[in-house]
């Protein structure tokens, strides 16, 4: 989840974990555990600029970059299987996701 995403301290551990999937949106850099972090160009995602006559490339990050990557995956699935419903494409993305060890550490050890 992006450090810039809205979260809630009111969410209970038993509530569903959202979002269903995460995609790379660039990273933040910090040199201090108490620092909020910065987003240097070297850690952002390179993409094309919407006005190529002005410049060819642009940098993107956070949820904008992650959304683009997820959309790209959905488009590739749908291009290969145009008869699939949107719900089917979403389900394929969600159910092909894998949890990292860092994500698993946030789960309760003995869920009820």
PDB file of N, CA and C in Angstrom:
ATOM      1  N   UNK A   1       0.855  -1.169   0.000  1.00  0.00           N
ATOM      2  CA  UNK A   1       0.000   0.000   0.000  1.00  0.00           C
ATOM      3  C   UNK A   1       0.890   1.218   0.000  1.00  0.00           C
ATOM      4  N   UNK A   2       0.556   2.195  -0.798  1.00  0.00           N
ATOM      5  CA  UNK A   2       1.359   3.411  -0.897  1.00  0.00           C
ATOM      6  C   UNK A   2       1.396   4.158   0.427  1.00  0.00           C
ATOM      7  N   UNK A   3       2.563   4.704   0.790  1.00  0.00           N
ATOM      8  CA  UNK A   3       2.620   5.521   2.004  1.00  0.00           C
ATOM      9  C   UNK A   3       1.718   6.746   1.917  1.00  0.00           C
ATOM     10  N   UNK A   4       1.302   7.095   0.729  1.00  0.00           N
ATOM     11  CA  UNK A   4       0.433   8.259   0.552  1.00  0.00           C
ATOM     12  C   UNK A   4      -1.047   7.882   0.483  1.00  0.00           C
ATOM     13  N   UNK A   5      -1.346   6.588   0.565  1.00  0.00           N
ATOM     14  CA  UNK A   5      -2.742   6.154   0.535  1.00  0.00           C
ATOM     15  C   UNK A   5      -3.425   6.467   1.855  1.00  0.00           C
ATOM     16  N   UNK A   6      -4.720   6.649   1.788  1.00  0.00           N
ATOM     17  CA  UNK A   6      -5.481   6.879   3.014  1.00  0.00           C
ATOM     18  C   UNK A   6      -5.736   5.545   3.700  1.00  0.00           C
ATOM     19  N   UNK A   7      -5.503   5.516   4.986  1.00  0.00           N
ATOM     20  CA  UNK A   7      -5.777   4.322   5.776  1.00  0.00           C
ATOM     21  C   UNK A   7      -6.540   4.738   7.016  1.00  0.00           C
ATOM     22  N   UNK A   8      -6.929   3.788   7.792  1.00  0.00           N
ATOM     23  CA  UNK A   8      -7.716   4.094   8.979  1.00  0.00           C
ATOM     24  C   UNK A   8      -7.201   3.309  10.170  1.00  0.00           C
ATOM     25  N   UNK A   9      -7.056   3.974  11.308  1.00  0.00           N
ATOM     26  CA  UNK A   9      -6.681   3.261  12.526  1.00  0.00           C
ATOM     27  C   UNK A   9      -7.879   2.531  13.099  1.00  0.00           C
ATOM     28  N   UNK A  10      -9.064   2.805  12.551  1.00  0.00           N
ATOM     29  CA  UNK A  10     -10.277   2.170  13.050  1.00  0.00           C
ATOM     30  C   UNK A  10     -10.521   0.796  12.436  1.00  0.00           C
ATOM     31  N   UNK A  11      -9.769   0.431  11.409  1.00  0.00           N
ATOM     32  CA  UNK A  11      -9.979  -0.863  10.784  1.00  0.00           C
ATOM     33  C   UNK A  11      -9.602  -1.965  11.760  1.00  0.00           C
ATOM     34  N   UNK A  12     -10.465  -2.932  11.903  1.00  0.00           N
ATOM     35  CA  UNK A  12     -10.201  -4.064  12.789  1.00  0.00           C
ATOM     36  C   UNK A  12      -9.429  -5.142  12.035  1.00  0.00           C
ATOM     37  N   UNK A  13      -8.670  -5.957  12.769  1.00  0.00           N
ATOM     38  CA  UNK A  13      -7.880  -7.025  12.142  1.00  0.00           C
ATOM     39  C   UNK A  13      -8.735  -8.029  11.384  1.00  0.00           C
ATOM     40  N   UNK A  14      -9.989  -8.200  11.793  1.00  0.00           N
ATOM     41  CA  UNK A  14     -10.836  -9.204  11.147  1.00  0.00           C
ATOM     42  C   UNK A  14     -11.475  -8.704   9.853  1.00  0.00           C
ATOM     43  N   UNK A  15     -11.348  -7.418   9.542  1.00  0.00           N
ATOM     44  CA  UNK A  15     -11.940  -6.874   8.323  1.00  0.00           C
ATOM     45  C   UNK A  15     -11.152  -7.346   7.109  1.00  0.00           C
ATOM     46  N   UNK A  16     -11.794  -7.375   5.934  1.00  0.00           N
ATOM     47  CA  UNK A  16     -11.077  -7.798   4.726  1.00  0.00           C
ATOM     48  C   UNK A  16      -9.876  -6.893   4.450  1.00  0.00           C
ATOM     49  N   UNK A  17      -8.837  -7.490   3.936  1.00  0.00           N
ATOM     50  CA  UNK A  17      -7.642  -6.722   3.598  1.00  0.00           C
ATOM     51  C   UNK A  17      -7.833  -6.131   2.214  1.00  0.00           C
ATOM     52  N   UNK A  18      -7.626  -4.868   2.102  1.00  0.00           N
ATOM     53  CA  UNK A  18      -7.732  -4.164   0.830  1.00  0.00           C
ATOM     54  C   UNK A  18      -6.457  -3.377   0.614  1.00  0.00           C
ATOM     55  N   UNK A  19      -6.014  -3.190  -0.570  1.00  0.00           N
ATOM     56  CA  UNK A  19      -6.635  -3.613  -1.820  1.00  0.00           C
ATOM     57  C   UNK A  19      -6.415  -5.102  -2.072  1.00  0.00           C
ATOM     58  N   UNK A  20      -7.134  -5.624  -3.053  1.00  0.00           N
ATOM     59  CA  UNK A  20      -7.021  -7.047  -3.373  1.00  0.00           C
ATOM     60  C   UNK A  20      -5.656  -7.391  -3.963  1.00  0.00           C
ATOM     61  N   UNK A  21      -5.096  -6.480  -4.726  1.00  0.00           N
ATOM     62  CA  UNK A  21      -3.768  -6.666  -5.310  1.00  0.00           C
ATOM     63  C   UNK A  21      -3.006  -5.352  -5.200  1.00  0.00           C
ATOM     64  N   UNK A  22      -1.703  -5.459  -5.225  1.00  0.00           N
ATOM     65  CA  UNK A  22      -0.872  -4.258  -5.279  1.00  0.00           C
ATOM     66  C   UNK A  22       0.098  -4.403  -6.438  1.00  0.00           C
ATOM     67  N   UNK A  23       0.420  -3.291  -7.050  1.00  0.00           N
ATOM     68  CA  UNK A  23       1.391  -3.253  -8.134  1.00  0.00           C
ATOM     69  C   UNK A  23       2.447  -2.215  -7.786  1.00  0.00           C
ATOM     70  N   UNK A  24       3.614  -2.384  -8.360  1.00  0.00           N
ATOM     71  CA  UNK A  24       4.722  -1.479  -8.095  1.00  0.00           C
ATOM     72  C   UNK A  24       4.362  -0.068  -8.528  1.00  0.00           C
ATOM     73  N   UNK A  25       4.538   0.876  -7.636  1.00  0.00           N
ATOM     74  CA  UNK A  25       4.253   2.276  -7.953  1.00  0.00           C
ATOM     75  C   UNK A  25       5.449   3.163  -7.711  1.00  0.00           C
ATOM     76  N   UNK A  26       6.636   2.588  -7.780  1.00  0.00           N
ATOM     77  CA  UNK A  26       7.830   3.342  -7.429  1.00  0.00           C
ATOM     78  C   UNK A  26       8.113   3.152  -5.948  1.00  0.00           C
ATOM     79  N   UNK A  27       9.137   3.773  -5.471  1.00  0.00           N
ATOM     80  CA  UNK A  27       9.523   3.626  -4.075  1.00  0.00           C
ATOM     81  C   UNK A  27       9.917   4.962  -3.483  1.00  0.00           C
ATOM     82  N   UNK A  28       9.972   4.998  -2.178  1.00  0.00           N
ATOM     83  CA  UNK A  28      10.459   6.162  -1.456  1.00  0.00           C
ATOM     84  C   UNK A  28      11.849   5.848  -0.927  1.00  0.00           C
ATOM     85  N   UNK A  29      12.637   6.895  -0.745  1.00  0.00           N
ATOM     86  CA  UNK A  29      13.974   6.732  -0.189  1.00  0.00           C
ATOM     87  C   UNK A  29      14.046   7.479   1.131  1.00  0.00           C
ATOM     88  N   UNK A  30      14.791   6.911   2.057  1.00  0.00           N
ATOM     89  CA  UNK A  30      14.983   7.566   3.348  1.00  0.00           C
ATOM     90  C   UNK A  30      16.340   7.175   3.905  1.00  0.00           C
ATOM     91  N   UNK A  31      16.910   8.052   4.683  1.00  0.00           N
ATOM     92  CA  UNK A  31      18.175   7.731   5.339  1.00  0.00           C
ATOM     93  C   UNK A  31      18.009   7.710   6.858  1.00  0.00           C
ATOM     94  N   UNK A  32      16.766   7.786   7.310  1.00  0.00           N
ATOM     95  CA  UNK A  32      16.481   7.846   8.738  1.00  0.00           C
ATOM     96  C   UNK A  32      15.154   7.144   8.986  1.00  0.00           C
ATOM     97  N   UNK A  33      15.085   6.322   9.999  1.00  0.00           N
ATOM     98  CA  UNK A  33      13.857   5.582  10.295  1.00  0.00           C
ATOM     99  C   UNK A  33      12.680   6.500  10.594  1.00  0.00           C
ATOM    100  N   UNK A  34      12.944   7.717  11.026  1.00  0.00           N
ATOM    101  CA  UNK A  34      11.871   8.654  11.357  1.00  0.00           C
ATOM    102  C   UNK A  34      11.534   9.605  10.218  1.00  0.00           C
ATOM    103  N   UNK A  35      12.215   9.471   9.109  1.00  0.00           N
ATOM    104  CA  UNK A  35      11.993  10.350   7.963  1.00  0.00           C
ATOM    105  C   UNK A  35      10.751   9.915   7.195  1.00  0.00           C
ATOM    106  N   UNK A  36       9.964  10.874   6.691  1.00  0.00           N
ATOM    107  CA  UNK A  36       8.793  10.486   5.898  1.00  0.00           C
ATOM    108  C   UNK A  36       9.168   9.925   4.530  1.00  0.00           C
ATOM    109  N   UNK A  37      10.381  10.146   4.086  1.00  0.00           N
ATOM    110  CA  UNK A  37      10.825   9.634   2.797  1.00  0.00           C
ATOM    111  C   UNK A  37      10.650  10.648   1.682  1.00  0.00           C
ATOM    112  N   UNK A  38      11.455  10.491   0.669  1.00  0.00           N
ATOM    113  CA  UNK A  38      11.366  11.326  -0.527  1.00  0.00           C
ATOM    114  C   UNK A  38      11.217  10.402  -1.721  1.00  0.00           C
ATOM    115  N   UNK A  39      10.833  10.965  -2.849  1.00  0.00           N
ATOM    116  CA  UNK A  39      10.672  10.135  -4.046  1.00  0.00           C
ATOM    117  C   UNK A  39      11.586  10.633  -5.160  1.00  0.00           C
ATOM    118  N   UNK A  40      12.859  10.223  -5.129  1.00  0.00           N
ATOM    119  CA  UNK A  40      13.791  10.643  -6.175  1.00  0.00           C
ATOM    120  C   UNK A  40      13.418  10.033  -7.523  1.00  0.00           C
ATOM    121  N   UNK A  41      13.787  10.733  -8.578  1.00  0.00           N
ATOM    122  CA  UNK A  41      13.468  10.277  -9.936  1.00  0.00           C
ATOM    123  C   UNK A  41      13.940   8.849 -10.201  1.00  0.00           C
ATOM    124  N   UNK A  42      15.065   8.466  -9.621  1.00  0.00           N
ATOM    125  CA  UNK A  42      15.628   7.135  -9.869  1.00  0.00           C
ATOM    126  C   UNK A  42      14.728   6.011  -9.367  1.00  0.00           C
ATOM    127  N   UNK A  43      13.796   6.312  -8.477  1.00  0.00           N
ATOM    128  CA  UNK A  43      12.915   5.280  -7.925  1.00  0.00           C
ATOM    129  C   UNK A  43      11.485   5.368  -8.451  1.00  0.00           C
ATOM    130  N   UNK A  44      11.258   6.242  -9.421  1.00  0.00           N
ATOM    131  CA  UNK A  44       9.932   6.370 -10.023  1.00  0.00           C
ATOM    132  C   UNK A  44       9.889   5.546 -11.310  1.00  0.00           C
ATOM    133  N   UNK A  45       8.716   5.341 -11.858  1.00  0.00           N
ATOM    134  CA  UNK A  45       8.566   4.549 -13.078  1.00  0.00           C
ATOM    135  C   UNK A  45       8.592   5.453 -14.305  1.00  0.00           C
ATOM    136  N   UNK A  46       9.309   5.019 -15.318  1.00  0.00           N
ATOM    137  CA  UNK A  46       9.399   5.768 -16.570  1.00  0.00           C
ATOM    138  C   UNK A  46       8.224   5.394 -17.462  1.00  0.00           C
ATOM    139  N   UNK A  47       7.588   6.403 -18.046  1.00  0.00           N
ATOM    140  CA  UNK A  47       6.451   6.167 -18.932  1.00  0.00           C
ATOM    141  C   UNK A  47       6.503   7.169 -20.082  1.00  0.00           C
ATOM    142  N   UNK A  48       5.602   7.035 -21.022  1.00  0.00           N
ATOM    143  CA  UNK A  48       5.545   7.979 -22.133  1.00  0.00           C
ATOM    144  C   UNK A  48       4.740   9.208 -21.731  1.00  0.00           C
ATOM    145  N   UNK A  49       5.092  10.338 -22.333  1.00  0.00           N
ATOM    146  CA  UNK A  49       4.399  11.595 -22.054  1.00  0.00           C
ATOM    147  C   UNK A  49       3.219  11.733 -23.008  1.00  0.00           C
ATOM    148  N   UNK A  50       2.147  12.347 -22.544  1.00  0.00           N
ATOM    149  CA  UNK A  50       0.930  12.426 -23.355  1.00  0.00           C
ATOM    150  C   UNK A  50       1.044  13.403 -24.528  1.00  0.00           C
ATOM    151  N   UNK A  51       2.064  14.245 -24.550  1.00  0.00           N
ATOM    152  CA  UNK A  51       2.297  15.152 -25.678  1.00  0.00           C
ATOM    153  C   UNK A  51       3.705  14.894 -26.225  1.00  0.00           C
ATOM    154  N   UNK A  52       3.856  13.885 -27.095  1.00  0.00           N
ATOM    155  CA  UNK A  52       5.194  13.509 -27.550  1.00  0.00           C
ATOM    156  C   UNK A  52       5.910  14.581 -28.360  1.00  0.00           C
ATOM    157  N   UNK A  53       5.183  15.563 -28.883  1.00  0.00           N
ATOM    158  CA  UNK A  53       5.851  16.650 -29.599  1.00  0.00           C
ATOM    159  C   UNK A  53       6.560  17.600 -28.627  1.00  0.00           C
ATOM    160  N   UNK A  54       6.211  17.559 -27.344  1.00  0.00           N
ATOM    161  CA  UNK A  54       6.884  18.372 -26.323  1.00  0.00           C
ATOM    162  C   UNK A  54       8.023  17.598 -25.667  1.00  0.00           C
ATOM    163  N   UNK A  55       7.766  16.354 -25.295  1.00  0.00           N
ATOM    164  CA  UNK A  55       8.797  15.456 -24.770  1.00  0.00           C
ATOM    165  C   UNK A  55       8.266  14.026 -24.867  1.00  0.00           C
ATOM    166  N   UNK A  56       9.182  13.077 -24.914  1.00  0.00           N
ATOM    167  CA  UNK A  56       8.786  11.687 -25.118  1.00  0.00           C
ATOM    168  C   UNK A  56       8.445  10.955 -23.827  1.00  0.00           C
ATOM    169  N   UNK A  57       9.165  11.278 -22.742  1.00  0.00           N
ATOM    170  CA  UNK A  57       9.019  10.488 -21.523  1.00  0.00           C
ATOM    171  C   UNK A  57       8.615  11.333 -20.330  1.00  0.00           C
ATOM    172  N   UNK A  58       8.078  10.664 -19.346  1.00  0.00           N
ATOM    173  CA  UNK A  58       7.659  11.296 -18.104  1.00  0.00           C
ATOM    174  C   UNK A  58       7.875  10.286 -16.974  1.00  0.00           C
ATOM    175  N   UNK A  59       7.911  10.777 -15.757  1.00  0.00           N
ATOM    176  CA  UNK A  59       8.027   9.901 -14.592  1.00  0.00           C
ATOM    177  C   UNK A  59       6.681   9.800 -13.906  1.00  0.00           C
ATOM    178  N   UNK A  60       6.401   8.638 -13.384  1.00  0.00           N
ATOM    179  CA  UNK A  60       5.138   8.406 -12.699  1.00  0.00           C
ATOM    180  C   UNK A  60       5.428   7.633 -11.422  1.00  0.00           C
ATOM    181  N   UNK A  61       4.524   7.738 -10.471  1.00  0.00           N
ATOM    182  CA  UNK A  61       4.724   7.007  -9.232  1.00  0.00           C
ATOM    183  C   UNK A  61       3.445   6.896  -8.438  1.00  0.00           C
ATOM    184  N   UNK A  62       3.550   6.221  -7.325  1.00  0.00           N
ATOM    185  CA  UNK A  62       2.445   6.046  -6.389  1.00  0.00           C
ATOM    186  C   UNK A  62       1.287   5.290  -7.041  1.00  0.00           C
ATOM    187  N   UNK A  63       0.071   5.659  -6.700  1.00  0.00           N
ATOM    188  CA  UNK A  63      -1.080   4.898  -7.183  1.00  0.00           C
ATOM    189  C   UNK A  63      -1.312   5.069  -8.682  1.00  0.00           C
ATOM    190  N   UNK A  64      -0.874   6.190  -9.263  1.00  0.00           N
ATOM    191  CA  UNK A  64      -1.039   6.374 -10.712  1.00  0.00           C
ATOM    192  C   UNK A  64      -0.249   5.325 -11.481  1.00  0.00           C
ATOM    193  N   UNK A  65       0.982   5.104 -11.093  1.00  0.00           N
ATOM    194  CA  UNK A  65       1.808   4.103 -11.771  1.00  0.00           C
ATOM    195  C   UNK A  65       1.279   2.695 -11.515  1.00  0.00           C
ATOM    196  N   UNK A  66       0.879   2.416 -10.292  1.00  0.00           N
ATOM    197  CA  UNK A  66       0.359   1.085  -9.959  1.00  0.00           C
ATOM    198  C   UNK A  66      -0.927   0.792 -10.722  1.00  0.00           C
ATOM    199  N   UNK A  67      -1.793   1.782 -10.837  1.00  0.00           N
ATOM    200  CA  UNK A  67      -3.043   1.605 -11.580  1.00  0.00           C
ATOM    201  C   UNK A  67      -2.768   1.317 -13.050  1.00  0.00           C
ATOM    202  N   UNK A  68      -1.792   2.009 -13.619  1.00  0.00           N
ATOM    203  CA  UNK A  68      -1.440   1.776 -15.023  1.00  0.00           C
ATOM    204  C   UNK A  68      -0.934   0.349 -15.233  1.00  0.00           C
ATOM    205  N   UNK A  69      -0.120  -0.150 -14.315  1.00  0.00           N
ATOM    206  CA  UNK A  69       0.397  -1.515 -14.450  1.00  0.00           C
ATOM    207  C   UNK A  69      -0.706  -2.560 -14.315  1.00  0.00           C
ATOM    208  N   UNK A  70      -1.632  -2.335 -13.408  1.00  0.00           N
ATOM    209  CA  UNK A  70      -2.755  -3.266 -13.253  1.00  0.00           C
ATOM    210  C   UNK A  70      -3.654  -3.220 -14.491  1.00  0.00           C
ATOM    211  N   UNK A  71      -3.888  -2.024 -15.008  1.00  0.00           N
ATOM    212  CA  UNK A  71      -4.703  -1.878 -16.219  1.00  0.00           C
ATOM    213  C   UNK A  71      -4.052  -2.580 -17.401  1.00  0.00           C
ATOM    214  N   UNK A  72      -2.730  -2.488 -17.479  1.00  0.00           N
ATOM    215  CA  UNK A  72      -1.999  -3.155 -18.548  1.00  0.00           C
ATOM    216  C   UNK A  72      -2.173  -4.674 -18.460  1.00  0.00           C
ATOM    217  N   UNK A  73      -2.101  -5.207 -17.248  1.00  0.00           N
ATOM    218  CA  UNK A  73      -2.302  -6.646 -17.075  1.00  0.00           C
ATOM    219  C   UNK A  73      -3.712  -7.043 -17.496  1.00  0.00           C
ATOM    220  N   UNK A  74      -4.699  -6.257 -17.075  1.00  0.00           N
ATOM    221  CA  UNK A  74      -6.087  -6.549 -17.445  1.00  0.00           C
ATOM    222  C   UNK A  74      -6.268  -6.487 -18.960  1.00  0.00           C
ATOM    223  N   UNK A  75      -5.660  -5.506 -19.601  1.00  0.00           N
ATOM    224  CA  UNK A  75      -5.780  -5.362 -21.057  1.00  0.00           C
ATOM    225  C   UNK A  75      -5.164  -6.551 -21.790  1.00  0.00           C
ATOM    226  N   UNK A  76      -4.033  -7.042 -21.297  1.00  0.00           N
ATOM    227  CA  UNK A  76      -3.403  -8.208 -21.935  1.00  0.00           C
ATOM    228  C   UNK A  76      -4.273  -9.452 -21.795  1.00  0.00           C
ATOM    229  N   UNK A  77      -4.866  -9.634 -20.629  1.00  0.00           N
ATOM    230  CA  UNK A  77      -5.763 -10.784 -20.431  1.00  0.00           C
ATOM    231  C   UNK A  77      -6.965 -10.668 -21.355  1.00  0.00           C
ATOM    232  N   UNK A  78      -7.560  -9.485 -21.389  1.00  0.00           N
ATOM    233  CA  UNK A  78      -8.762  -9.286 -22.192  1.00  0.00           C
ATOM    234  C   UNK A  78      -8.476  -9.395 -23.687  1.00  0.00           C
ATOM    235  N   UNK A  79      -7.304  -8.954 -24.120  1.00  0.00           N
ATOM    236  CA  UNK A  79      -6.943  -9.070 -25.536  1.00  0.00           C
ATOM    237  C   UNK A  79      -6.828 -10.538 -25.950  1.00  0.00           C
ATOM    238  N   UNK A  80      -6.334 -11.350 -25.037  1.00  0.00           N
ATOM    239  CA  UNK A  80      -6.190 -12.775 -25.340  1.00  0.00           C
ATOM    240  C   UNK A  80      -7.509 -13.520 -25.202  1.00  0.00           C
ATOM    241  N   UNK A  81      -8.394 -13.018 -24.346  1.00  0.00           N
ATOM    242  CA  UNK A  81      -9.680 -13.670 -24.079  1.00  0.00           C
ATOM    243  C   UNK A  81     -10.805 -12.627 -24.134  1.00  0.00           C
ATOM    244  N   UNK A  82     -11.143 -12.129 -25.323  1.00  0.00           N
ATOM    245  CA  UNK A  82     -12.131 -11.052 -25.428  1.00  0.00           C
ATOM    246  C   UNK A  82     -13.538 -11.446 -24.989  1.00  0.00           C
ATOM    247  N   UNK A  83     -13.794 -12.733 -24.854  1.00  0.00           N
ATOM    248  CA  UNK A  83     -15.119 -13.181 -24.419  1.00  0.00           C
ATOM    249  C   UNK A  83     -15.267 -13.203 -22.894  1.00  0.00           C
ATOM    250  N   UNK A  84     -14.180 -12.962 -22.166  1.00  0.00           N
ATOM    251  CA  UNK A  84     -14.258 -12.959 -20.694  1.00  0.00           C
ATOM    252  C   UNK A  84     -15.030 -11.745 -20.195  1.00  0.00           C
ATOM    253  N   UNK A  85     -15.740 -11.916 -19.121  1.00  0.00           N
ATOM    254  CA  UNK A  85     -16.423 -10.810 -18.463  1.00  0.00           C
ATOM    255  C   UNK A  85     -15.396  -9.997 -17.671  1.00  0.00           C
ATOM    256  N   UNK A  86     -15.681  -8.716 -17.402  1.00  0.00           N
ATOM    257  CA  UNK A  86     -14.770  -7.917 -16.569  1.00  0.00           C
ATOM    258  C   UNK A  86     -14.513  -8.570 -15.207  1.00  0.00           C
ATOM    259  N   UNK A  87     -15.544  -9.182 -14.639  1.00  0.00           N
ATOM    260  CA  UNK A  87     -15.387  -9.844 -13.343  1.00  0.00           C
ATOM    261  C   UNK A  87     -14.409 -11.020 -13.426  1.00  0.00           C
ATOM    262  N   UNK A  88     -14.395 -11.684 -14.576  1.00  0.00           N
ATOM    263  CA  UNK A  88     -13.483 -12.807 -14.769  1.00  0.00           C
ATOM    264  C   UNK A  88     -12.047 -12.312 -14.845  1.00  0.00           C
ATOM    265  N   UNK A  89     -11.837 -11.228 -15.585  1.00  0.00           N
ATOM    266  CA  UNK A  89     -10.495 -10.648 -15.698  1.00  0.00           C
ATOM    267  C   UNK A  89     -10.004 -10.217 -14.316  1.00  0.00           C
ATOM    268  N   UNK A  90     -10.855  -9.549 -13.556  1.00  0.00           N
ATOM    269  CA  UNK A  90     -10.491  -9.119 -12.205  1.00  0.00           C
ATOM    270  C   UNK A  90     -10.153 -10.324 -11.329  1.00  0.00           C
ATOM    271  N   UNK A  91     -10.964 -11.358 -11.412  1.00  0.00           N
ATOM    272  CA  UNK A  91     -10.722 -12.556 -10.605  1.00  0.00           C
ATOM    273  C   UNK A  91      -9.389 -13.207 -10.960  1.00  0.00           C
ATOM    274  N   UNK A  92      -9.046 -13.242 -12.234  1.00  0.00           N
ATOM    275  CA  UNK A  92      -7.761 -13.816 -12.637  1.00  0.00           C
ATOM    276  C   UNK A  92      -6.597 -13.022 -12.057  1.00  0.00           C
ATOM    277  N   UNK A  93      -6.729 -11.708 -12.050  1.00  0.00           N
ATOM    278  CA  UNK A  93      -5.669 -10.867 -11.479  1.00  0.00           C
ATOM    279  C   UNK A  93      -5.563 -11.096  -9.974  1.00  0.00           C
ATOM    280  N   UNK A  94      -6.694 -11.049  -9.296  1.00  0.00           N
ATOM    281  CA  UNK A  94      -6.697 -11.200  -7.834  1.00  0.00           C
ATOM    282  C   UNK A  94      -6.175 -12.571  -7.418  1.00  0.00           C
ATOM    283  N   UNK A  95      -6.630 -13.618  -8.076  1.00  0.00           N
ATOM    284  CA  UNK A  95      -6.272 -14.968  -7.649  1.00  0.00           C
ATOM    285  C   UNK A  95      -4.898 -15.420  -8.134  1.00  0.00           C
ATOM    286  N   UNK A  96      -4.259 -14.616  -8.972  1.00  0.00           N
ATOM    287  CA  UNK A  96      -2.882 -14.936  -9.357  1.00  0.00           C
ATOM    288  C   UNK A  96      -1.875 -14.185  -8.491  1.00  0.00           C
ATOM    289  N   UNK A  97      -2.359 -13.304  -7.628  1.00  0.00           N
ATOM    290  CA  UNK A  97      -1.469 -12.534  -6.755  1.00  0.00           C
ATOM    291  C   UNK A  97      -0.875 -13.426  -5.673  1.00  0.00           C
ATOM    292  N   UNK A  98       0.321 -13.087  -5.255  1.00  0.00           N
ATOM    293  CA  UNK A  98       0.988 -13.809  -4.172  1.00  0.00           C
ATOM    294  C   UNK A  98       1.365 -12.827  -3.074  1.00  0.00           C
ATOM    295  N   UNK A  99       1.248 -13.261  -1.854  1.00  0.00           N
ATOM    296  CA  UNK A  99       1.606 -12.427  -0.714  1.00  0.00           C
ATOM    297  C   UNK A  99       3.108 -12.526  -0.467  1.00  0.00           C
ATOM    298  N   UNK A 100       3.723 -11.386  -0.196  1.00  0.00           N
ATOM    299  CA  UNK A 100       5.135 -11.384   0.167  1.00  0.00           C
ATOM    300  C   UNK A 100       5.262 -11.743   1.646  1.00  0.00           C
ATOM    301  N   UNK A 101       6.460 -12.093   2.064  1.00  0.00           N
ATOM    302  CA  UNK A 101       6.666 -12.415   3.479  1.00  0.00           C
ATOM    303  C   UNK A 101       6.402 -11.198   4.360  1.00  0.00           C
ATOM    304  N   UNK A 102       6.701  -9.998   3.869  1.00  0.00           N
ATOM    305  CA  UNK A 102       6.419  -8.781   4.644  1.00  0.00           C
ATOM    306  C   UNK A 102       4.916  -8.606   4.847  1.00  0.00           C
ATOM    307  N   UNK A 103       4.123  -8.915   3.839  1.00  0.00           N
ATOM    308  CA  UNK A 103       2.666  -8.817   3.972  1.00  0.00           C
ATOM    309  C   UNK A 103       2.149  -9.845   4.974  1.00  0.00           C
ATOM    310  N   UNK A 104       2.669 -11.059   4.890  1.00  0.00           N
ATOM    311  CA  UNK A 104       2.208 -12.127   5.775  1.00  0.00           C
ATOM    312  C   UNK A 104       2.506 -11.828   7.244  1.00  0.00           C
ATOM    313  N   UNK A 105       3.579 -11.084   7.506  1.00  0.00           N
ATOM    314  CA  UNK A 105       3.922 -10.744   8.891  1.00  0.00           C
ATOM    315  C   UNK A 105       2.873  -9.851   9.539  1.00  0.00           C
ATOM    316  N   UNK A 106       2.056  -9.166   8.751  1.00  0.00           N
ATOM    317  CA  UNK A 106       1.029  -8.281   9.297  1.00  0.00           C
ATOM    318  C   UNK A 106      -0.246  -9.025   9.682  1.00  0.00           C
ATOM    319  N   UNK A 107      -0.361 -10.285   9.307  1.00  0.00           N
ATOM    320  CA  UNK A 107      -1.546 -11.062   9.653  1.00  0.00           C
ATOM    321  C   UNK A 107      -1.451 -11.560  11.089  1.00  0.00           C
ATOM    322  N   UNK A 108      -2.587 -11.695  11.758  1.00  0.00           N
ATOM    323  CA  UNK A 108      -2.545 -12.247  13.115  1.00  0.00           C
ATOM    324  C   UNK A 108      -2.065 -13.700  13.087  1.00  0.00           C
ATOM    325  N   UNK A 109      -1.323 -14.086  14.099  1.00  0.00           N
ATOM    326  CA  UNK A 109      -0.768 -15.444  14.146  1.00  0.00           C
ATOM    327  C   UNK A 109      -1.849 -16.504  14.300  1.00  0.00           C
ATOM    328  N   UNK A 110      -2.883 -16.201  15.073  1.00  0.00           N
ATOM    329  CA  UNK A 110      -3.986 -17.135  15.303  1.00  0.00           C
ATOM    330  C   UNK A 110      -5.316 -16.437  15.024  1.00  0.00           C
ATOM    331  N   UNK A 111      -5.689 -16.290  13.750  1.00  0.00           N
ATOM    332  CA  UNK A 111      -6.947 -15.587  13.451  1.00  0.00           C
ATOM    333  C   UNK A 111      -8.157 -16.359  13.979  1.00  0.00           C
ATOM    334  N   UNK A 112      -9.174 -15.610  14.368  1.00  0.00           N
ATOM    335  CA  UNK A 112     -10.389 -16.252  14.888  1.00  0.00           C
ATOM    336  C   UNK A 112     -11.484 -16.235  13.856  1.00  0.00           C
TER     337      UNK A 112
END
